[in-house]
Amino acid sequence: MGKRDKKKKRDKKLGVAKEKAETRADKAAKKTSKKNKDNDEDDIEALIAAFKKKDAEKVAVTDQVRTDPPAPRMNGSFLAVPNKDDLIMFGGESFEEDRVIVYNDLYRYNTKKGEWREIASPNTPGRRCSHQAVCVKNMMYIFGGEFTSPSQSQFYHYRDTWKFNLETNQWTEIQQAKATAPPARSGHRMIVWKRKLILFGGFYDLGTEVRYYNDLWAFDLDSEKWSRMENKANMFVPSLRSRCLLSVQGDYLYVMRGYSLDKKADGAVKATTHSDAWSLHLPSCAWERIKTPGISPSTRSGMASIVDKSRIIVFGGVYDEESETNMKSVFYNDMFAFNMDSRRWFPLALHASAKSSEKKSKKKTGKKDTENEETEEDSQNIEEDAIAAIEQSEEFNDDKNTERISAAAESAAIAAAQSIVLPDDDDDDDDDGGDDSRRRGREKGKAKGEDDGDDDDDDDDEDEGATEKKAKGKNKGKDKAKDKG
């Protein structure tokens, strides 16, 4: 057979393969279109365009005091404004029966005045949730996020970068070349390191498949350009994940916990809530898997976190057990701290300050209740008391026992942390804060990609502050993977 005949045969095969691919794409598009018609819903690009047209009607910045708080929502961003008494909130989503509402409104809350202000600006980013936002001096930067159609049958992920001037209340989109910007995603994490924003992980949902990420990106605040951070060769790295903890101290980045889906060889999809911890030396991009002894949170993801000096303070989180027919979720309302110097966990407990204790005591008895009054020194000693109790255990210092604390040390540490717990007030309504009755987007679908590192997903005991809740799969429109920040 001549070269010309071989070329014709090869071209014919490529043509047939192309036709088959186009046929499959047409079928998928028709199926999606039919589903949208059944839901009486426009295509998602048309929905986004309609919202964008409506936002374009804004011609000037408005700043209005709100007499009522913003609408209830989740998966938005909520940040402290540097050197101000303000908190700033952007985006998020809420559910009303079987419909979802996604926001792109912006609010500032003054902590001294107890006042909400709604700020509307021209050129506002599209409606989104599960994005990431950070504040640097007088700017807030956001990247990514997702938009969900009202019926929850269509999903769109952003890969745009925006900045918001905290002085002028104006938005500006930072244009990026697609080849050099991170892929579209949500559920990722982003922090500030020197003059850079560091982005890690996240996921991308097409409705038919899900991709998880464990890549690292850096955004230079001076050049306003993204660049991929390449890991040091021949090293283990964290596995693919979203909803993790991300923080930085000095030149070291910490990645802990998280959530992912993995498609097995037999087609089954396994959900994993990670409990491992990693540190990254940012200048060299060298990863190290680390041990985090102490009294740590039980296995969970989606914890809220802030950094206080050398400590990561975390609150809440959720652990999901999923099956084909239903999902069992355990919500938490406890607090822990991770010391980045000693790389240890310890529990935290809420306590009354001296002023609040005195006011409550005077209100009830007209006298100062010295038994309930706690000083600032007490709160600062919690960490030292807990760590000291742990170190007294011989088991903790035994390397052969893999640094697991003894039951006696654990009890002593918990007692130290809870020694200034605020006593129950008979006049106040109980609210454990752990039962979230709002419907949340869950990750159910096909996962693409394999884990690049080993995970230590040993389950810890469930905390007493947890509230169990079963969510049965009644909504067929959510038979897909949907990871929320």
Protein backbone atom coordinates (compact mmCIF):
# COMPACT_ATOMS: atom_id res chain seq x y z
CA MET A 1 0.00 0.00 0.00
CA GLY A 2 1.41 3.37 -1.04
CA LYS A 3 1.91 6.37 1.22
CA ARG A 4 -0.99 8.14 -0.47
CA ASP A 5 -3.37 5.23 0.24
CA LYS A 6 -2.23 5.07 3.89
CA LYS A 7 -2.85 8.80 4.26
CA LYS A 8 -6.36 8.46 2.84
CA LYS A 9 -7.13 5.57 5.20
CA ARG A 10 -5.82 7.53 8.19
CA ASP A 11 -7.80 10.63 7.20
CA LYS A 12 -10.92 8.53 6.81
CA LYS A 13 -10.53 7.10 10.33
CA LEU A 14 -9.96 10.56 11.75
CA GLY A 15 -13.05 11.80 9.93
CA VAL A 16 -15.19 8.99 11.32
CA ALA A 17 -13.88 9.63 14.84
CA LYS A 18 -14.61 13.34 14.48
CA GLU A 19 -18.16 12.65 13.31
CA LYS A 20 -18.76 10.33 16.26
CA ALA A 21 -17.46 12.93 18.69
CA GLU A 22 -19.66 15.61 17.15
CA THR A 23 -22.66 13.24 17.31
CA ARG A 24 -22.06 12.59 21.00
CA ALA A 25 -21.69 16.32 21.64
CA ASP A 26 -24.94 17.03 19.75
CA LYS A 27 -26.76 14.37 21.76
CA ALA A 28 -25.46 15.79 25.02
CA ALA A 29 -26.46 19.30 23.97
CA LYS A 30 -29.94 18.15 22.95
CA LYS A 31 -30.32 16.27 26.23
CA THR A 32 -29.30 19.36 28.21
CA SER A 33 -31.59 21.56 26.12
CA LYS A 34 -34.53 19.20 26.71
CA LYS A 35 -33.80 19.16 30.42
CA ASN A 36 -33.74 22.95 30.50
CA LYS A 37 -37.05 23.12 28.66
CA ASP A 38 -38.55 20.69 31.15
CA ASN A 39 -37.39 23.05 33.90
CA ASP A 40 -38.74 26.06 31.97
CA GLU A 41 -35.27 27.57 32.08
CA ASP A 42 -33.00 29.35 29.58
CA ASP A 43 -29.52 28.18 28.72
CA ILE A 44 -27.03 29.14 31.46
CA GLU A 45 -25.05 31.47 29.17
CA ALA A 46 -28.28 33.30 28.39
CA LEU A 47 -29.08 33.57 32.10
CA ILE A 48 -25.66 35.04 32.86
CA ALA A 49 -25.98 37.48 29.94
CA ALA A 50 -29.39 38.64 31.21
CA PHE A 51 -28.02 39.31 34.69
CA LYS A 52 -25.04 41.13 33.19
CA LYS A 53 -27.36 43.35 31.16
CA LYS A 54 -29.31 44.19 34.29
CA ASP A 55 -26.10 45.06 36.18
CA ALA A 56 -25.06 47.33 33.30
CA GLU A 57 -27.95 49.63 34.18
CA LYS A 58 -25.95 50.85 37.18
CA VAL A 59 -24.30 54.13 36.19
CA ALA A 60 -22.90 55.37 39.49
CA VAL A 61 -21.70 54.12 42.87
CA THR A 62 -24.39 54.14 45.56
CA ASP A 63 -23.82 53.67 49.29
CA GLN A 64 -26.97 53.19 51.36
CA VAL A 65 -27.51 52.36 55.03
CA ARG A 66 -29.60 49.22 55.50
CA THR A 67 -32.15 49.03 58.29
CA ASP A 68 -32.28 45.25 57.88
CA PRO A 69 -29.40 42.80 57.35
CA PRO A 70 -28.62 41.18 53.97
CA ALA A 71 -30.62 38.15 52.82
CA PRO A 72 -29.54 34.85 54.43
CA ARG A 73 -26.91 33.08 52.35
CA MET A 74 -23.95 30.74 52.34
CA ASN A 75 -20.74 30.24 50.34
CA GLY A 76 -20.10 33.96 49.97
CA SER A 77 -16.91 35.77 51.05
CA PHE A 78 -16.75 37.62 54.39
CA LEU A 79 -13.57 39.52 55.21
CA ALA A 80 -12.15 42.04 57.63
CA VAL A 81 -11.13 45.32 56.00
CA PRO A 82 -7.49 46.11 56.94
CA ASN A 83 -7.09 48.86 59.54
CA LYS A 84 -10.83 49.54 59.62
CA ASP A 85 -13.76 48.61 61.82
CA ASP A 86 -15.53 47.10 58.78
CA LEU A 87 -16.33 43.64 57.52
CA ILE A 88 -17.06 43.20 53.81
CA MET A 89 -19.35 40.56 52.29
CA PHE A 90 -19.71 39.66 48.61
CA GLY A 91 -21.81 37.12 46.71
CA GLY A 92 -23.09 33.77 47.96
CA GLU A 93 -26.22 31.70 47.41
CA SER A 94 -29.46 30.78 49.14
CA PHE A 95 -32.26 28.29 48.60
CA GLU A 96 -35.99 28.86 48.44
CA GLU A 97 -37.78 25.54 48.24
CA ASP A 98 -36.44 23.92 45.02
CA ARG A 99 -34.87 27.07 43.58
CA VAL A 100 -31.44 28.54 44.15
CA ILE A 101 -30.60 32.27 44.19
CA VAL A 102 -27.03 33.41 43.50
CA TYR A 103 -25.91 36.92 44.50
CA ASN A 104 -23.33 39.50 43.43
CA ASP A 105 -24.28 42.21 45.93
CA LEU A 106 -21.74 43.77 48.29
CA TYR A 107 -22.20 44.90 51.90
CA ARG A 108 -20.03 46.53 54.53
CA TYR A 109 -20.72 46.05 58.24
CA ASN A 110 -19.31 48.49 60.77
CA THR A 111 -18.55 46.60 63.97
CA LYS A 112 -18.63 49.71 66.20
CA LYS A 113 -21.87 51.17 64.87
CA GLY A 114 -23.54 47.80 64.29
CA GLU A 115 -24.54 49.15 60.87
CA TRP A 116 -24.96 47.49 57.44
CA ARG A 117 -24.32 49.49 54.26
CA GLU A 118 -25.19 48.22 50.77
CA ILE A 119 -22.81 49.32 48.03
CA ALA A 120 -23.83 49.11 44.37
CA SER A 121 -21.27 49.82 41.66
CA PRO A 122 -21.12 49.75 37.87
CA ASN A 123 -19.08 46.95 36.28
CA THR A 124 -19.86 44.47 39.07
CA PRO A 125 -18.58 40.86 38.74
CA GLY A 126 -21.16 38.25 37.75
CA ARG A 127 -23.29 36.48 40.33
CA ARG A 128 -21.29 33.77 42.05
CA CYS A 129 -20.66 31.65 45.13
CA SER A 130 -17.78 29.51 46.40
CA HIS A 131 -15.25 32.02 45.09
CA GLN A 132 -12.25 33.28 47.02
CA ALA A 133 -11.53 36.83 48.18
CA VAL A 134 -8.66 38.47 50.07
CA CYS A 135 -7.99 42.04 51.20
CA VAL A 136 -4.63 43.73 50.69
CA LYS A 137 -4.36 47.31 51.98
CA ASN A 138 -7.16 49.25 50.22
CA MET A 139 -8.01 46.52 47.68
CA MET A 140 -10.11 43.35 47.74
CA TYR A 141 -9.22 40.71 45.14
CA ILE A 142 -11.50 37.86 44.04
CA PHE A 143 -10.98 34.89 41.76
CA GLY A 144 -13.26 32.21 40.35
CA GLY A 145 -16.48 30.85 41.81
CA GLU A 146 -19.57 29.35 40.26
CA PHE A 147 -23.05 30.28 39.10
CA THR A 148 -25.88 27.77 39.45
CA SER A 149 -29.11 28.03 37.47
CA PRO A 150 -32.32 28.38 39.51
CA SER A 151 -33.28 24.74 38.88
CA GLN A 152 -29.77 23.55 39.84
CA SER A 153 -29.51 21.70 36.53
CA GLN A 154 -26.83 23.95 34.98
CA PHE A 155 -23.51 25.16 36.30
CA TYR A 156 -20.95 27.70 35.20
CA HIS A 157 -17.48 28.19 36.69
CA TYR A 158 -15.58 31.45 36.47
CA ARG A 159 -11.86 31.99 35.87
CA ASP A 160 -11.89 35.79 36.07
CA THR A 161 -9.90 38.04 38.42
CA TRP A 162 -11.32 41.25 39.92
CA LYS A 163 -10.26 43.94 42.35
CA PHE A 164 -12.47 46.22 44.42
CA ASN A 165 -11.18 49.56 45.67
CA LEU A 166 -12.21 49.84 49.32
CA GLU A 167 -11.86 53.64 49.22
CA THR A 168 -13.76 54.46 45.99
CA ASN A 169 -16.10 51.40 46.03
CA GLN A 170 -15.33 50.66 42.38
CA TRP A 171 -14.78 47.31 40.66
CA THR A 172 -12.12 46.63 38.00
CA GLU A 173 -11.67 43.39 36.07
CA ILE A 174 -8.02 42.41 35.70
CA GLN A 175 -7.72 40.98 32.20
CA GLN A 176 -5.68 37.80 31.91
CA ALA A 177 -4.50 35.64 29.01
CA LYS A 178 -6.21 32.25 29.24
CA ALA A 179 -2.92 30.45 28.73
CA THR A 180 -1.40 31.97 31.85
CA ALA A 181 -4.40 32.12 34.22
CA PRO A 182 -5.69 29.33 36.48
CA PRO A 183 -8.46 27.17 34.98
CA ALA A 184 -12.06 27.89 35.99
CA ARG A 185 -12.93 26.51 39.42
CA SER A 186 -14.68 26.97 42.74
CA GLY A 187 -14.13 25.59 46.23
CA HIS A 188 -10.46 26.64 46.00
CA ARG A 189 -8.47 28.56 48.63
CA MET A 190 -6.40 31.75 48.30
CA ILE A 191 -4.12 33.62 50.74
CA VAL A 192 -1.65 36.53 50.71
CA TRP A 193 2.10 35.91 50.82
CA LYS A 194 4.37 38.95 50.56
CA ARG A 195 3.33 40.71 47.33
CA LYS A 196 1.56 37.68 45.90
CA LEU A 197 -1.77 35.87 46.14
CA ILE A 198 -1.31 32.10 46.42
CA LEU A 199 -4.12 29.87 45.10
CA PHE A 200 -4.49 26.13 45.76
CA GLY A 201 -6.95 23.37 44.82
CA GLY A 202 -10.65 23.57 44.04
CA PHE A 203 -12.90 21.75 41.59
CA TYR A 204 -14.62 22.21 38.23
CA ASP A 205 -18.10 20.81 37.61
CA LEU A 206 -19.43 20.21 34.11
CA GLY A 207 -22.62 18.54 35.29
CA THR A 208 -21.49 15.25 33.74
CA GLU A 209 -18.03 15.07 35.30
CA VAL A 210 -15.98 16.76 37.98
CA ARG A 211 -12.31 17.66 38.02
CA TYR A 212 -10.43 18.30 41.25
CA TYR A 213 -7.23 20.27 41.49
CA ASN A 214 -4.08 20.30 43.60
CA ASP A 215 -2.21 22.91 41.55
CA LEU A 216 -0.52 26.04 42.87
CA TRP A 217 -0.78 29.50 41.31
CA ALA A 218 0.70 32.87 42.22
CA PHE A 219 -0.78 36.28 41.37
CA ASP A 220 1.76 39.11 41.42
CA LEU A 221 0.14 42.18 42.96
CA ASP A 222 2.56 44.52 41.19
CA SER A 223 2.37 43.16 37.63
CA GLU A 224 -1.19 41.82 38.15
CA LYS A 225 -0.30 38.59 36.33
CA TRP A 226 -0.89 34.94 37.22
CA SER A 227 1.85 32.30 36.98
CA ARG A 228 1.91 28.56 37.67
CA MET A 229 4.08 27.45 40.59
CA GLU A 230 5.84 24.23 39.65
CA ASN A 231 6.36 21.70 42.43
CA LYS A 232 9.86 20.50 43.15
CA ALA A 233 10.56 17.34 41.13
CA ASN A 234 10.22 13.81 42.53
CA MET A 235 8.27 14.82 45.62
CA PHE A 236 4.97 13.73 47.08
CA VAL A 237 2.32 16.46 46.98
CA PRO A 238 -1.16 16.86 48.50
CA SER A 239 -3.88 14.96 46.68
CA LEU A 240 -6.62 16.62 44.64
CA ARG A 241 -9.09 18.44 46.88
CA SER A 242 -11.34 21.38 47.62
CA ARG A 243 -12.74 22.89 50.85
CA CYS A 244 -9.38 22.61 52.61
CA LEU A 245 -7.66 24.83 55.18
CA LEU A 246 -4.98 27.10 53.69
CA SER A 247 -2.75 29.45 55.68
CA VAL A 248 0.76 30.86 55.64
CA GLN A 249 3.43 31.72 58.21
CA GLY A 250 6.67 33.23 57.02
CA ASP A 251 7.76 31.29 53.93
CA TYR A 252 5.71 28.20 54.78
CA LEU A 253 2.25 27.41 53.41
CA TYR A 254 -0.02 24.95 55.24
CA VAL A 255 -2.65 22.76 53.54
CA MET A 256 -4.90 20.65 55.77
CA ARG A 257 -8.09 18.63 55.45
CA GLY A 258 -10.40 18.98 52.44
CA TYR A 259 -12.86 16.99 50.33
CA SER A 260 -12.74 15.18 46.98
CA LEU A 261 -14.40 12.58 44.79
CA ASP A 262 -12.48 9.75 43.15
CA LYS A 263 -13.68 7.54 40.32
CA LYS A 264 -12.56 3.94 40.77
CA ALA A 265 -11.71 1.43 38.05
CA ASP A 266 -15.11 -0.25 38.41
CA GLY A 267 -16.90 3.06 37.81
CA ALA A 268 -17.85 3.62 41.45
CA VAL A 269 -17.39 7.11 42.86
CA LYS A 270 -15.86 7.43 46.32
CA ALA A 271 -16.17 10.59 48.43
CA THR A 272 -13.17 11.29 50.67
CA THR A 273 -12.94 13.73 53.56
CA HIS A 274 -9.19 14.21 54.03
CA SER A 275 -7.50 14.51 57.40
CA ASP A 276 -3.87 14.89 56.30
CA ALA A 277 -1.64 17.97 56.68
CA TRP A 278 1.12 19.40 54.47
CA SER A 279 3.60 22.25 54.56
CA LEU A 280 5.15 23.92 51.52
CA HIS A 281 8.34 25.95 51.49
CA LEU A 282 7.17 28.65 49.08
CA PRO A 283 10.55 29.88 47.75
CA SER A 284 11.59 26.34 46.70
CA CYS A 285 8.10 24.81 46.16
CA ALA A 286 9.12 21.79 48.26
CA TRP A 287 6.24 19.90 49.90
CA GLU A 288 6.43 18.00 53.17
CA ARG A 289 3.74 15.89 54.76
CA ILE A 290 3.64 16.74 58.46
CA LYS A 291 2.32 15.24 61.67
CA THR A 292 -0.08 17.39 63.68
CA PRO A 293 -0.27 15.96 67.22
CA GLY A 294 -2.45 17.28 70.00
CA ILE A 295 -6.23 17.33 70.36
CA SER A 296 -7.37 17.89 66.79
CA PRO A 297 -10.80 18.33 65.18
CA SER A 298 -12.50 15.16 64.05
CA THR A 299 -12.37 14.39 60.32
CA ARG A 300 -14.28 17.12 58.48
CA SER A 301 -14.05 19.73 55.73
CA GLY A 302 -15.35 23.24 55.03
CA MET A 303 -14.20 24.75 58.33
CA ALA A 304 -14.18 28.52 58.74
CA SER A 305 -10.71 29.78 59.65
CA ILE A 306 -8.68 32.88 60.45
CA VAL A 307 -5.03 33.40 61.36
CA ASP A 308 -4.17 35.02 64.70
CA LYS A 309 -0.41 35.58 64.97
CA SER A 310 1.03 32.04 64.86
CA ARG A 311 -2.31 30.25 65.29
CA ILE A 312 -4.96 29.10 62.84
CA ILE A 313 -8.35 29.40 64.57
CA VAL A 314 -11.00 27.09 63.05
CA PHE A 315 -14.72 26.76 63.65
CA GLY A 316 -17.37 24.24 62.60
CA GLY A 317 -17.22 22.11 59.47
CA VAL A 318 -19.12 19.10 58.16
CA TYR A 319 -18.53 15.40 57.68
CA ASP A 320 -20.62 13.67 55.00
CA GLU A 321 -21.42 10.01 54.60
CA GLU A 322 -23.00 9.47 51.19
CA SER A 323 -24.76 6.53 49.60
CA GLU A 324 -26.74 6.04 46.40
CA THR A 325 -30.03 6.90 48.09
CA ASN A 326 -29.26 9.35 50.88
CA MET A 327 -26.63 11.36 52.69
CA LYS A 328 -25.88 11.62 56.37
CA SER A 329 -24.18 14.87 57.39
CA VAL A 330 -22.65 15.70 60.76
CA PHE A 331 -22.29 19.44 61.44
CA TYR A 332 -19.98 20.92 64.06
CA ASN A 333 -19.92 24.10 66.14
CA ASP A 334 -16.70 23.56 68.07
CA MET A 335 -13.48 25.57 67.93
CA PHE A 336 -9.84 24.51 67.67
CA ALA A 337 -6.49 26.20 67.13
CA PHE A 338 -3.44 24.97 65.25
CA ASN A 339 -0.15 26.39 66.43
CA MET A 340 2.09 26.81 63.37
CA ASP A 341 5.23 27.09 65.53
CA SER A 342 4.76 23.80 67.40
CA ARG A 343 2.50 22.29 64.68
CA ARG A 344 0.03 21.08 67.28
CA TRP A 345 -3.74 21.22 67.67
CA PHE A 346 -5.56 22.17 70.84
CA PRO A 347 -9.23 22.87 71.63
CA LEU A 348 -10.68 26.29 72.33
CA ALA A 349 -13.70 27.21 74.41
CA LEU A 350 -15.74 30.40 74.43
CA HIS A 351 -15.47 32.41 77.62
CA ALA A 352 -16.80 35.58 79.16
CA SER A 353 -14.65 38.69 79.30
CA ALA A 354 -14.40 40.64 82.56
CA LYS A 355 -16.71 43.38 81.30
CA SER A 356 -19.39 41.09 79.91
CA SER A 357 -19.38 38.96 83.05
CA GLU A 358 -19.78 42.04 85.23
CA LYS A 359 -22.65 43.40 83.14
CA LYS A 360 -24.49 40.07 83.21
CA SER A 361 -23.97 39.72 86.94
CA LYS A 362 -25.21 43.25 87.68
CA LYS A 363 -28.23 42.73 85.47
CA LYS A 364 -29.30 39.65 87.41
CA THR A 365 -28.31 40.41 91.00
CA GLY A 366 -27.15 44.01 91.03
CA LYS A 367 -23.79 42.77 92.28
CA LYS A 368 -20.58 41.78 90.63
CA ASP A 369 -20.46 37.99 90.24
CA THR A 370 -16.78 37.25 90.80
CA GLU A 371 -17.25 33.53 90.21
CA ASN A 372 -18.12 34.07 86.54
CA GLU A 373 -15.59 36.84 85.86
CA GLU A 374 -12.56 35.84 83.78
CA THR A 375 -9.50 37.88 82.91
CA GLU A 376 -7.65 38.26 79.62
CA GLU A 377 -4.71 36.41 81.17
CA ASP A 378 -6.91 33.31 81.58
CA SER A 379 -7.71 33.18 77.87
CA GLN A 380 -4.06 33.57 76.90
CA ASN A 381 -3.06 30.63 79.09
CA ILE A 382 -5.45 28.12 77.49
CA GLU A 383 -2.97 27.04 74.84
CA GLU A 384 -0.10 26.64 77.32
CA ASP A 385 -2.26 24.62 79.75
CA ALA A 386 -3.48 22.27 77.02
CA ILE A 387 -0.01 21.71 75.57
CA ALA A 388 1.50 21.18 79.01
CA ALA A 389 -1.10 18.54 79.81
CA ILE A 390 -0.36 16.74 76.56
CA GLU A 391 3.40 16.81 77.09
CA GLN A 392 3.03 15.25 80.54
CA SER A 393 1.94 12.03 78.88
CA GLU A 394 4.73 9.48 78.42
CA GLU A 395 2.82 8.05 75.47
CA PHE A 396 2.94 11.39 73.66
CA ASN A 397 6.75 11.49 73.84
CA ASP A 398 7.10 7.90 72.72
CA ASP A 399 7.95 7.85 68.98
CA LYS A 400 6.92 4.21 68.73
CA ASN A 401 3.40 5.17 69.66
CA THR A 402 3.17 7.58 66.70
CA GLU A 403 2.74 10.54 69.04
CA ARG A 404 -0.80 9.64 70.11
CA ILE A 405 -1.79 11.26 73.37
CA SER A 406 -3.01 9.20 76.28
CA ALA A 407 -6.56 9.35 77.54
CA ALA A 408 -5.36 10.97 80.79
CA ALA A 409 -3.50 13.74 78.94
CA GLU A 410 -6.41 14.32 76.60
CA SER A 411 -8.83 14.67 79.51
CA ALA A 412 -6.49 17.06 81.29
CA ALA A 413 -6.05 19.20 78.16
CA ILE A 414 -9.78 19.40 77.55
CA ALA A 415 -10.33 20.33 81.19
CA ALA A 416 -7.74 23.10 80.87
CA ALA A 417 -9.38 24.44 77.73
CA GLN A 418 -12.86 24.30 79.22
CA SER A 419 -11.91 25.76 82.58
CA ILE A 420 -13.34 29.12 81.58
CA VAL A 421 -16.38 27.98 79.61
CA LEU A 422 -19.23 30.45 79.97
CA PRO A 423 -21.88 28.96 82.28
CA ASP A 424 -25.38 28.35 80.97
CA ASP A 425 -27.74 31.30 81.28
CA ASP A 426 -31.24 30.20 82.16
CA ASP A 427 -32.65 33.36 80.60
CA ASP A 428 -31.05 32.72 77.20
CA ASP A 429 -32.32 30.42 74.49
CA ASP A 430 -30.01 27.48 73.72
CA ASP A 431 -28.47 27.47 70.26
CA ASP A 432 -25.82 24.90 69.51
CA GLY A 433 -25.23 26.39 66.07
CA GLY A 434 -24.55 22.97 64.60
CA ASP A 435 -27.86 22.22 62.92
CA ASP A 436 -27.86 23.84 59.49
CA SER A 437 -31.30 23.17 58.02
CA ARG A 438 -30.54 24.95 54.73
CA ARG A 439 -29.99 22.70 51.76
CA ARG A 440 -26.40 22.62 50.64
CA GLY A 441 -24.94 21.63 47.28
CA ARG A 442 -23.30 18.26 47.62
CA GLU A 443 -20.66 16.62 45.52
CA LYS A 444 -22.35 13.73 43.71
CA GLY A 445 -21.06 12.89 40.26
CA LYS A 446 -18.17 11.68 38.22
CA ALA A 447 -14.65 12.55 39.26
CA LYS A 448 -11.75 12.93 36.88
CA GLY A 449 -8.12 12.49 37.87
CA GLU A 450 -6.16 10.47 40.39
CA ASP A 451 -4.69 11.47 43.72
CA ASP A 452 -1.00 12.40 43.57
CA GLY A 453 -0.28 11.82 47.25
CA ASP A 454 -1.23 9.53 50.09
CA ASP A 455 -3.95 10.60 52.48
CA ASP A 456 -4.26 9.85 56.13
CA ASP A 457 -8.02 9.72 56.50
CA ASP A 458 -8.32 8.06 59.89
CA ASP A 459 -11.61 9.04 61.43
CA ASP A 460 -11.50 10.76 64.80
CA ASP A 461 -14.25 10.47 67.37
CA GLU A 462 -17.25 12.63 66.66
CA ASP A 463 -17.41 15.74 68.82
CA GLU A 464 -20.19 16.29 71.34
CA GLY A 465 -20.99 19.61 69.65
CA ALA A 466 -22.03 17.82 66.48
CA THR A 467 -25.58 17.64 65.20
CA GLU A 468 -26.53 14.85 62.82
CA LYS A 469 -28.82 15.51 59.94
CA LYS A 470 -30.00 13.22 57.15
CA ALA A 471 -30.58 14.71 53.73
CA LYS A 472 -32.35 12.32 51.36
CA GLY A 473 -31.83 12.71 47.63
CA LYS A 474 -35.21 14.10 46.70
CA ASN A 475 -33.94 16.61 44.18
CA LYS A 476 -33.09 14.83 40.93
CA GLY A 477 -31.66 18.03 39.55
CA LYS A 478 -28.72 17.66 41.97
CA ASP A 479 -27.45 14.25 40.80
CA LYS A 480 -24.08 15.84 40.03
CA ALA A 481 -21.02 16.95 41.91
CA LYS A 482 -21.35 20.33 43.57
CA ASP A 483 -18.64 21.33 46.01
CA LYS A 484 -19.33 24.36 48.16
CA GLY A 485 -16.67 26.54 49.67
